[in-house]
Structure formats: C-alpha cells, structure tokens
Amino acid sequence: MFRSPRLLVAARVLAGLNQSQLANAAGVAVSVLQAIEQGRSDPKLSTMLALVDALKARGVMLAPETERVAGGVLVMKDSQTEAVWRSGT
C-alpha cells in the first residue's frame, strides 16, 4: 500500500498518537504496528485499512503513492485540508 513505513510513522506522530494508542484504536497488536513501522512486515490489507481508519478518525489521512506522486500525509484541520507532505524516500 505504501512504499515507505515512514509515512505511517509520520501520520501517527501528526495525529499525536504513540504506537500503543494507534494500535489500540485500530484493533491490532502493538508488535504488529512496530513491525510495520520498522519495515519488517508486509501487513494484510485489512490491517492497513484499520490503521488508516484510526488515523482518519483523528484528522490525519495518508495519501497513497503513485508512479508520478510521492505519498504523503494530509492533516484535516477545522474542516479544511492542509497538506503536510512527508516524502517516503
């Protein structure tokens, strides 16, 4: 889904969550989240969707990478979108 686990870390930090809080909100084990963030795991789609949904509930969205656009993190603020791009490379 994302080429770099750093995007997930950036999104989590911008959401103001530690690993335990995000894992709990997404219903996954902390060890699973740690493995994903460290690039040691190729997570199931359902796991990534749960993490994305938990972040989105806190106003942070992950922008997927394409061949032309580097992925990034969008921060939702007062019903307006402020783009905060974090390169995955």
Protein backbone atom coordinates (compact mmCIF):
# COMPACT_ATOMS: atom_id res chain seq x y z
CA MET A 1 0.00 0.00 0.00
CA PHE A 2 2.83 2.38 0.90
CA ARG A 3 6.41 2.07 -0.20
CA SER A 4 7.81 3.53 2.97
CA PRO A 5 6.78 2.76 6.52
CA ARG A 6 7.97 6.26 7.41
CA LEU A 7 4.69 7.63 6.06
CA LEU A 8 2.80 5.65 8.67
CA VAL A 9 5.14 6.89 11.39
CA ALA A 10 4.71 10.50 10.22
CA ALA A 11 0.92 10.13 10.16
CA ARG A 12 0.89 8.62 13.65
CA VAL A 13 3.06 11.41 15.05
CA LEU A 14 0.99 14.12 13.38
CA ALA A 15 -2.13 12.54 14.87
CA GLY A 16 -0.50 12.88 18.29
CA LEU A 17 -0.57 9.15 18.98
CA ASN A 18 2.05 6.80 20.31
CA GLN A 19 2.32 3.26 18.98
CA SER A 20 0.18 1.80 21.74
CA GLN A 21 -2.62 4.32 21.20
CA LEU A 22 -2.74 3.80 17.42
CA ALA A 23 -2.59 0.02 17.73
CA ASN A 24 -5.42 0.09 20.26
CA ALA A 25 -7.54 2.41 18.11
CA ALA A 26 -7.01 0.16 15.08
CA GLY A 27 -7.53 -3.07 16.99
CA VAL A 28 -4.11 -4.50 16.21
CA ALA A 29 -1.28 -5.67 18.43
CA VAL A 30 1.46 -3.15 19.22
CA SER A 31 4.02 -5.67 17.95
CA VAL A 32 2.23 -5.73 14.58
CA LEU A 33 2.34 -1.93 14.31
CA GLN A 34 6.00 -1.89 15.35
CA ALA A 35 6.88 -4.45 12.67
CA ILE A 36 5.05 -2.40 10.02
CA GLU A 37 6.72 0.86 11.07
CA GLN A 38 10.14 -0.79 11.05
CA GLY A 39 9.56 -2.25 7.59
CA ARG A 40 9.77 -5.83 8.87
CA SER A 41 6.22 -6.74 7.91
CA ASP A 42 4.08 -6.80 4.80
CA PRO A 43 0.73 -6.23 6.50
CA LYS A 44 -2.62 -7.58 5.41
CA LEU A 45 -4.86 -5.11 3.62
CA SER A 46 -7.36 -5.32 6.49
CA THR A 47 -4.65 -4.29 8.96
CA MET A 48 -3.60 -1.30 6.88
CA LEU A 49 -7.22 -0.23 6.40
CA ALA A 50 -7.80 -0.41 10.16
CA LEU A 51 -4.73 1.79 10.75
CA VAL A 52 -5.79 4.24 8.03
CA ASP A 53 -9.31 4.45 9.51
CA ALA A 54 -7.95 5.05 13.02
CA LEU A 55 -5.75 7.87 11.74
CA LYS A 56 -8.55 9.35 9.65
CA ALA A 57 -10.76 9.47 12.76
CA ARG A 58 -8.13 11.78 14.25
CA GLY A 59 -7.96 14.06 11.22
CA VAL A 60 -4.93 12.54 9.50
CA MET A 61 -5.09 10.87 6.10
CA LEU A 62 -2.43 9.00 4.19
CA ALA A 63 -2.11 9.93 0.52
CA PRO A 64 -1.10 6.87 -1.50
CA GLU A 65 1.94 6.85 -3.71
CA THR A 66 1.66 6.61 -7.48
CA GLU A 67 4.26 6.44 -10.20
CA ARG A 68 4.10 10.22 -10.53
CA VAL A 69 3.44 11.39 -6.98
CA ALA A 70 5.27 10.59 -3.77
CA GLY A 71 2.99 9.57 -0.96
CA GLY A 72 2.24 11.96 1.84
CA VAL A 73 0.20 12.78 4.87
CA LEU A 74 -2.83 15.07 4.87
CA VAL A 75 -3.85 16.78 8.07
CA MET A 76 -7.54 17.69 8.33
CA LYS A 77 -7.94 20.90 10.30
CA ASP A 78 -11.26 22.62 11.06
CA SER A 79 -12.99 21.07 8.01
CA GLN A 80 -10.22 22.33 5.73
CA THR A 81 -7.43 20.20 4.35
CA GLU A 82 -3.89 21.27 4.97
CA ALA A 83 -1.39 19.21 3.05
CA VAL A 84 1.67 18.22 5.00
CA TRP A 85 3.78 16.13 2.66
CA ARG A 86 6.36 13.77 4.03
CA SER A 87 8.41 12.11 1.35
CA GLY A 88 8.65 8.36 1.65
CA THR A 89 12.13 8.35 0.17
